[in-house]
Structures are given as C-alpha cells and as structure tokens.
N, C-alpha and C. Protein backbone atom coordinates (compact mmCIF):
# COMPACT_ATOMS: atom_id res chain seq x y z
N MET A 1 116.16 56.36 156.33
CA MET A 1 117.64 57.08 155.73
C MET A 1 117.52 57.79 154.23
N ILE A 2 118.17 59.23 154.53
CA ILE A 2 118.15 60.08 154.03
C ILE A 2 119.38 60.31 153.25
N LEU A 3 118.66 60.81 151.64
CA LEU A 3 120.06 60.51 150.59
C LEU A 3 120.08 62.00 150.08
N TYR A 4 121.77 62.88 150.78
CA TYR A 4 122.04 64.31 150.03
C TYR A 4 122.75 63.77 148.74
N ILE A 5 122.26 64.95 147.97
CA ILE A 5 122.77 65.64 146.80
C ILE A 5 123.09 66.61 145.97
N ASP A 6 124.70 67.04 146.06
CA ASP A 6 124.98 68.48 145.67
C ASP A 6 125.39 68.10 144.65
N THR A 7 125.45 68.88 143.71
CA THR A 7 126.30 68.90 142.05
C THR A 7 126.26 70.27 141.81
N THR A 8 125.87 71.29 142.84
CA THR A 8 125.91 72.80 142.20
C THR A 8 127.42 73.01 142.49
N ASP A 9 128.43 72.70 142.59
CA ASP A 9 129.96 72.63 142.39
C ASP A 9 129.82 72.35 140.90
N ASN A 10 130.62 72.98 139.83
CA ASN A 10 131.38 72.26 138.64
C ASN A 10 132.23 71.51 138.99
N ASP A 11 133.08 71.10 139.92
CA ASP A 11 134.08 70.85 140.49
C ASP A 11 134.20 69.24 141.16
N ILE A 12 133.56 69.62 142.12
CA ILE A 12 133.28 68.54 143.37
C ILE A 12 131.76 68.39 143.53
N VAL A 13 131.03 67.23 143.76
CA VAL A 13 130.14 66.60 144.28
C VAL A 13 129.82 66.08 145.79
N LYS A 14 129.11 66.61 146.15
CA LYS A 14 128.92 65.98 147.52
C LYS A 14 127.50 65.22 147.78
N ILE A 15 128.03 63.94 148.56
CA ILE A 15 126.80 63.12 148.87
C ILE A 15 127.01 62.72 150.39
N ALA A 16 125.82 62.19 150.66
CA ALA A 16 125.48 62.50 152.22
C ALA A 16 124.50 61.27 152.44
N LEU A 17 124.60 60.19 153.62
CA LEU A 17 123.84 59.95 154.15
C LEU A 17 123.50 59.96 155.83
N GLU A 18 122.18 59.97 155.48
CA GLU A 18 121.62 60.06 157.03
C GLU A 18 120.54 59.40 157.52
N ALA A 19 120.92 59.10 158.73
CA ALA A 19 119.95 58.23 159.21
C ALA A 19 119.19 58.30 160.97
N ARG A 20 118.14 59.08 161.00
CA ARG A 20 117.38 59.20 162.52
C ARG A 20 118.20 60.50 162.89
N GLY A 21 118.34 61.28 162.10
CA GLY A 21 119.62 62.70 162.56
C GLY A 21 120.77 62.54 162.71
N ASN A 22 121.48 61.82 162.59
CA ASN A 22 123.12 61.42 162.29
C ASN A 22 123.48 61.03 161.09
N ILE A 23 124.49 61.85 160.33
CA ILE A 23 125.41 61.42 159.14
C ILE A 23 125.91 60.00 159.40
N LEU A 24 125.42 59.20 158.46
CA LEU A 24 126.24 58.20 158.65
C LEU A 24 127.17 58.30 157.72
N ALA A 25 127.39 59.00 156.81
CA ALA A 25 128.49 58.90 155.89
C ALA A 25 128.79 60.08 154.65
N SER A 26 129.60 60.94 154.56
CA SER A 26 129.73 61.85 153.49
C SER A 26 130.51 61.62 152.73
N LYS A 27 130.58 62.11 151.13
CA LYS A 27 131.77 61.55 150.20
C LYS A 27 131.87 63.30 149.31
N GLU A 28 133.11 63.40 149.14
CA GLU A 28 133.06 64.82 148.01
C GLU A 28 133.96 64.20 147.09
N PHE A 29 133.95 64.22 146.07
CA PHE A 29 134.91 63.61 145.01
C PHE A 29 134.37 64.51 143.76
N SER A 30 135.47 64.68 143.11
CA SER A 30 135.92 65.74 142.00
C SER A 30 135.53 64.89 141.07
N ALA A 31 134.56 65.85 139.88
CA ALA A 31 134.08 65.27 138.69
C ALA A 31 133.91 66.09 137.93
N ARG A 32 135.24 66.87 137.86
CA ARG A 32 134.84 67.70 136.86
C ARG A 32 134.91 67.18 134.95
N ARG A 33 133.77 68.06 135.06
CA ARG A 33 132.94 67.80 133.62
C ARG A 33 132.71 66.20 133.19
N GLN A 34 132.42 65.38 134.94
CA GLN A 34 132.31 63.77 134.82
C GLN A 34 131.08 63.36 135.73
N GLN A 35 130.35 64.70 136.19
CA GLN A 35 129.21 64.34 137.73
C GLN A 35 128.32 63.39 136.71
N SER A 36 127.65 63.41 135.59
CA SER A 36 126.60 62.17 134.94
C SER A 36 127.32 60.98 135.04
N GLU A 37 128.59 60.46 134.57
CA GLU A 37 129.13 59.37 134.68
C GLU A 37 129.45 59.26 136.60
N LYS A 38 130.31 59.54 137.08
CA LYS A 38 130.66 59.46 138.76
C LYS A 38 129.66 59.12 139.73
N LEU A 39 128.05 60.19 139.48
CA LEU A 39 127.44 60.00 140.69
C LEU A 39 126.91 58.92 141.16
N LEU A 40 126.14 58.62 140.09
CA LEU A 40 125.49 56.75 140.89
C LEU A 40 126.63 55.63 141.20
N PRO A 41 128.00 55.64 140.75
CA PRO A 41 128.66 54.40 140.91
C PRO A 41 129.07 54.88 142.51
N GLU A 42 129.32 55.71 142.61
CA GLU A 42 129.66 57.17 143.81
C GLU A 42 128.42 56.91 145.04
N ILE A 43 126.84 56.89 144.80
CA ILE A 43 126.09 56.62 145.26
C ILE A 43 126.17 55.16 145.93
N ASP A 44 126.50 53.71 144.81
CA ASP A 44 126.77 52.39 145.03
C ASP A 44 127.96 52.64 146.16
N LYS A 45 128.99 53.02 145.70
CA LYS A 45 129.89 52.69 146.76
C LYS A 45 129.44 53.30 147.83
N ILE A 46 129.28 54.49 148.16
CA ILE A 46 128.56 54.98 149.88
C ILE A 46 127.89 53.64 151.00
N LEU A 47 126.90 53.44 149.71
CA LEU A 47 126.03 52.35 150.37
C LEU A 47 126.24 50.90 150.57
N LYS A 48 127.50 50.41 149.91
CA LYS A 48 127.89 49.56 150.04
C LYS A 48 129.17 49.75 151.38
N ALA A 49 129.78 50.12 151.31
CA ALA A 49 130.82 51.05 152.13
C ALA A 49 130.27 50.69 154.06
N LYS A 50 128.94 51.24 153.72
CA LYS A 50 128.21 51.61 155.34
C LYS A 50 127.01 50.09 155.15
N LYS A 51 127.07 49.09 154.12
CA LYS A 51 126.65 47.64 154.37
C LYS A 51 124.73 48.27 154.26
N LYS A 52 124.42 48.74 153.20
CA LYS A 52 122.88 49.69 153.23
C LYS A 52 122.48 49.11 151.75
N LYS A 53 121.51 48.84 151.17
CA LYS A 53 120.98 48.82 150.61
C LYS A 53 120.38 49.76 149.54
N ILE A 54 119.84 49.99 148.08
CA ILE A 54 119.63 51.22 147.76
C ILE A 54 117.73 51.05 148.02
N SER A 55 117.30 50.10 148.55
CA SER A 55 115.85 50.54 149.16
C SER A 55 115.98 50.75 150.61
N ASP A 56 117.00 51.12 151.25
CA ASP A 56 117.12 51.74 152.46
C ASP A 56 117.14 53.04 152.49
N ILE A 57 116.81 53.81 151.46
CA ILE A 57 116.98 54.90 150.97
C ILE A 57 115.55 55.36 151.30
N LYS A 58 114.73 56.31 152.28
CA LYS A 58 113.50 56.28 152.05
C LYS A 58 113.38 57.74 151.65
N SER A 59 114.26 58.59 151.34
CA SER A 59 114.04 60.16 150.70
C SER A 59 115.33 60.23 150.10
N ILE A 60 114.92 61.09 149.58
CA ILE A 60 116.73 62.37 148.49
C ILE A 60 116.10 63.96 148.78
N ARG A 61 117.20 64.14 149.12
CA ARG A 61 117.65 65.81 149.23
C ARG A 61 118.43 65.93 148.38
N VAL A 62 118.06 67.28 147.49
CA VAL A 62 119.12 67.47 146.38
C VAL A 62 119.34 68.84 146.49
N ALA A 63 120.23 69.38 146.68
CA ALA A 63 120.12 71.21 145.75
C ALA A 63 119.69 71.50 144.46
N ASP A 64 119.23 71.93 144.79
CA ASP A 64 118.25 72.68 143.66
C ASP A 64 118.25 73.70 142.81
N GLN A 65 119.33 74.77 143.51
CA GLN A 65 119.70 76.44 142.68
C GLN A 65 121.11 76.27 143.02
N GLY A 66 121.55 77.42 141.73
CA GLY A 66 123.06 77.56 141.90
C GLY A 66 123.28 76.90 141.38
N GLY A 67 124.80 76.97 140.82
CA GLY A 67 126.02 76.60 140.25
C GLY A 67 125.21 76.88 138.24
N SER A 68 126.05 75.73 137.73
CA SER A 68 125.98 76.09 136.00
C SER A 68 124.31 75.36 136.06
N PHE A 69 124.03 75.28 134.61
CA PHE A 69 122.92 74.46 134.36
C PHE A 69 123.14 73.03 134.55
N THR A 70 124.45 72.49 134.07
CA THR A 70 124.01 72.06 133.43
C THR A 70 124.28 70.58 135.21
N SER A 71 125.22 71.16 135.35
CA SER A 71 125.91 70.64 136.97
C SER A 71 124.49 70.56 138.02
N LEU A 72 124.00 71.21 138.04
CA LEU A 72 122.49 71.32 138.63
C LEU A 72 121.36 70.60 138.13
N ARG A 73 121.22 70.57 136.67
CA ARG A 73 120.10 69.24 136.16
C ARG A 73 120.81 68.14 136.66
N ILE A 74 121.92 67.66 136.65
CA ILE A 74 122.60 66.33 136.63
C ILE A 74 122.10 65.82 138.31
N GLY A 75 122.21 66.49 138.77
CA GLY A 75 122.21 66.17 140.26
C GLY A 75 120.51 66.04 140.69
N VAL A 76 119.42 67.39 140.29
CA VAL A 76 117.86 67.09 140.30
C VAL A 76 117.53 66.26 139.40
N VAL A 77 117.96 66.13 138.26
CA VAL A 77 117.45 64.45 137.75
C VAL A 77 118.17 63.01 138.06
N THR A 78 119.38 62.98 138.27
CA THR A 78 119.69 61.66 139.35
C THR A 78 118.47 61.75 140.71
N ALA A 79 118.10 62.97 141.13
CA ALA A 79 117.06 62.61 142.53
C ALA A 79 115.89 62.19 141.86
N ASN A 80 115.30 62.61 141.51
CA ASN A 80 113.99 62.66 140.58
C ASN A 80 113.50 60.74 139.98
N ALA A 81 115.29 61.06 138.98
CA ALA A 81 114.77 59.86 138.62
C ALA A 81 115.30 57.88 139.88
N LEU A 82 115.71 58.35 140.76
CA LEU A 82 115.56 57.59 141.92
C LEU A 82 114.44 57.54 143.02
N GLY A 83 114.13 58.57 142.79
CA GLY A 83 112.96 58.80 143.49
C GLY A 83 112.01 58.34 142.85
N TYR A 84 111.72 58.14 141.78
CA TYR A 84 110.49 57.80 141.11
C TYR A 84 110.89 56.66 141.15
N ALA A 85 112.00 55.88 140.68
CA ALA A 85 112.29 54.42 140.64
C ALA A 85 112.25 53.84 141.88
N LEU A 86 112.37 54.07 143.02
CA LEU A 86 112.07 54.06 144.41
C LEU A 86 111.04 53.98 145.35
N GLY A 87 110.12 54.78 144.11
CA GLY A 87 108.67 55.28 144.85
C GLY A 87 108.74 56.00 146.22
N ILE A 88 109.83 56.90 146.30
CA ILE A 88 110.29 57.91 147.68
C ILE A 88 110.18 59.29 147.30
N PRO A 89 109.63 60.33 148.24
CA PRO A 89 110.09 61.62 147.86
C PRO A 89 111.43 62.25 147.83
N VAL A 90 110.79 63.33 146.79
CA VAL A 90 112.65 64.01 146.68
C VAL A 90 111.95 65.50 147.25
N THR A 91 112.85 65.83 147.85
CA THR A 91 112.91 67.41 147.78
C THR A 91 114.33 68.13 148.10
N GLY A 92 113.73 69.73 147.57
CA GLY A 92 114.98 70.56 147.42
C GLY A 92 115.08 71.25 148.29
N SER A 93 115.81 72.02 148.04
CA SER A 93 115.92 73.60 148.66
C SER A 93 114.27 74.71 148.42
N GLN A 94 114.31 74.49 147.24
CA GLN A 94 112.59 75.52 146.74
C GLN A 94 111.99 74.32 147.14
N LYS A 95 110.81 74.87 146.47
CA LYS A 95 108.81 74.15 146.39
C LYS A 95 109.55 72.67 145.90
N THR A 96 108.76 72.16 146.14
CA THR A 96 108.77 70.78 145.39
C THR A 96 107.96 70.36 145.63
N ASN A 97 107.55 70.32 144.06
CA ASN A 97 105.80 69.54 143.19
C ASN A 97 105.85 68.02 143.55
N LYS A 98 104.40 67.64 143.86
CA LYS A 98 103.62 66.92 144.22
C LYS A 98 102.92 66.47 142.78
N ILE A 99 102.72 65.56 142.10
CA ILE A 99 102.08 65.54 141.50
C ILE A 99 101.19 63.74 141.57
N LYS A 100 100.02 63.19 141.85
CA LYS A 100 99.89 62.14 142.02
C LYS A 100 100.49 61.00 142.91
N ASP A 101 101.14 61.14 144.04
CA ASP A 101 102.21 60.94 144.32
C ASP A 101 103.12 60.49 143.99
N ILE A 102 104.09 61.54 143.71
CA ILE A 102 105.20 61.57 142.50
C ILE A 102 105.80 63.00 142.80
N TYR A 103 107.06 62.66 143.63
CA TYR A 103 107.31 64.30 143.93
C TYR A 103 108.59 64.65 142.90
N ILE A 104 108.68 65.92 142.43
CA ILE A 104 109.26 66.05 141.52
C ILE A 104 109.99 67.69 141.98
N VAL A 105 111.29 67.55 141.68
CA VAL A 105 111.67 69.28 141.70
C VAL A 105 112.54 69.43 141.04
N LYS A 106 112.18 71.02 141.02
CA LYS A 106 112.41 71.64 139.66
C LYS A 106 113.82 72.71 140.05
N PRO A 107 114.40 72.31 139.38
CA PRO A 107 115.97 73.53 139.63
C PRO A 107 115.62 74.70 139.49
N VAL A 108 115.96 75.12 139.71
CA VAL A 108 115.99 77.00 140.01
C VAL A 108 117.58 77.32 139.30
N TYR A 109 116.97 77.95 137.71
CA TYR A 109 118.87 78.28 137.24
C TYR A 109 118.93 80.19 137.65
N ASP A 110 119.92 80.03 138.09
CA ASP A 110 120.37 81.66 138.56
C ASP A 110 120.36 82.40 137.10
N ARG A 111 120.51 81.96 135.89
CA ARG A 111 120.36 82.44 135.05
C ARG A 111 120.00 81.74 133.51
N GLU A 112 119.68 82.51 132.67
CA GLU A 112 119.17 81.34 130.97
C GLU A 112 120.63 80.56 130.43
N PRO A 113 120.02 78.99 130.31
CA PRO A 113 121.35 78.41 129.44
C PRO A 113 121.48 78.89 128.81
N ASN A 114 122.35 78.51 128.48
CA ASN A 114 123.75 79.37 126.68
C ASN A 114 124.22 77.85 126.07
N ILE A 115 123.40 77.31 126.25
CA ILE A 115 122.93 76.41 125.12
C ILE A 115 122.86 76.58 123.64
N THR A 116 123.60 76.38 122.78
CA THR A 116 124.22 76.71 121.60
C THR A 116 124.51 75.16 120.47
N LYS A 117 124.18 75.81 119.59
CA LYS A 117 124.06 74.53 118.03
C LYS A 117 125.60 74.79 117.66
N LYS A 118 126.60 73.76 117.52
CA LYS A 118 127.73 74.25 116.82
C LYS A 118 127.78 74.85 115.19
N LYS A 119 128.27 75.58 114.50
CA LYS A 119 128.20 76.05 113.16
C LYS A 119 128.63 74.64 112.71
N ALA A 120 128.35 74.55 111.54
CA ALA A 120 128.80 73.36 110.50
C ALA A 120 129.53 73.91 110.08
N ILE A 121 130.80 73.29 109.84
CA ILE A 121 131.85 73.05 109.08
C ILE A 121 131.73 73.52 107.53
N GLN A 122 132.31 74.53 106.90
CA GLN A 122 132.09 74.75 105.65
C GLN A 122 133.35 74.39 104.90
C-alpha cells in the first residue's frame, strides 16, 4: 500500500492510500497553520477507517515542491520520518536520494525561506 501526502497548500492537506493501482481512501482537510498537529492523526484516522495498520504501508509518496517553506517542509519531514521508522522508500516529484538503504526526499523550494528573528522589545 502507498501513502500519499501533499501539504503544499497552506490551507488544505491531502492524503490518500493506494493499493494495486486503486485508491482505497483519500481525504482533504483544513489545516491552516496546524498542518504539523493534524497530519499524523489524520493519517491514523484514514488507516483505521480502512482497517489497515501503519505496517501495511510499503512506500510513501510526498509532494516535494511548491507551496510555502513551512507547509512543504512539514509534509517532507513527516514522510521522511515515517519512511525511516518503517524502513520503507519515500519518493517525491523530484529526485529522491538513497543513502545506505535510506530514502530521503529533499524539498524543492520556489524561493528562499523568509525566516527572521523577532526584535527584542526595548
């Protein structure tokens, strides 16, 4: 079974399960600024709804380009962490690097991240 993850939209997260070329389940949910909090619980819910276990996932595909820095990073990091924990391949829409049997998807950002430090209040 393949798990699909797409967090490239700032407001909507898309996940799906596929087996033998058929979509078993798919879900879109609102997650404005809560993608990291909602993604794993929603993956758990979709698995339970189909009476599947996380160990039934044999590979993960993740959207790895487009969207904001943070939303893209959440999907890619979650996919890479699950892949590592389960010992399964993770692929993206760009090249996937394989390092000693560990598949790592590198995100492709459409612009430099705008991460700033807050100025101290005087």
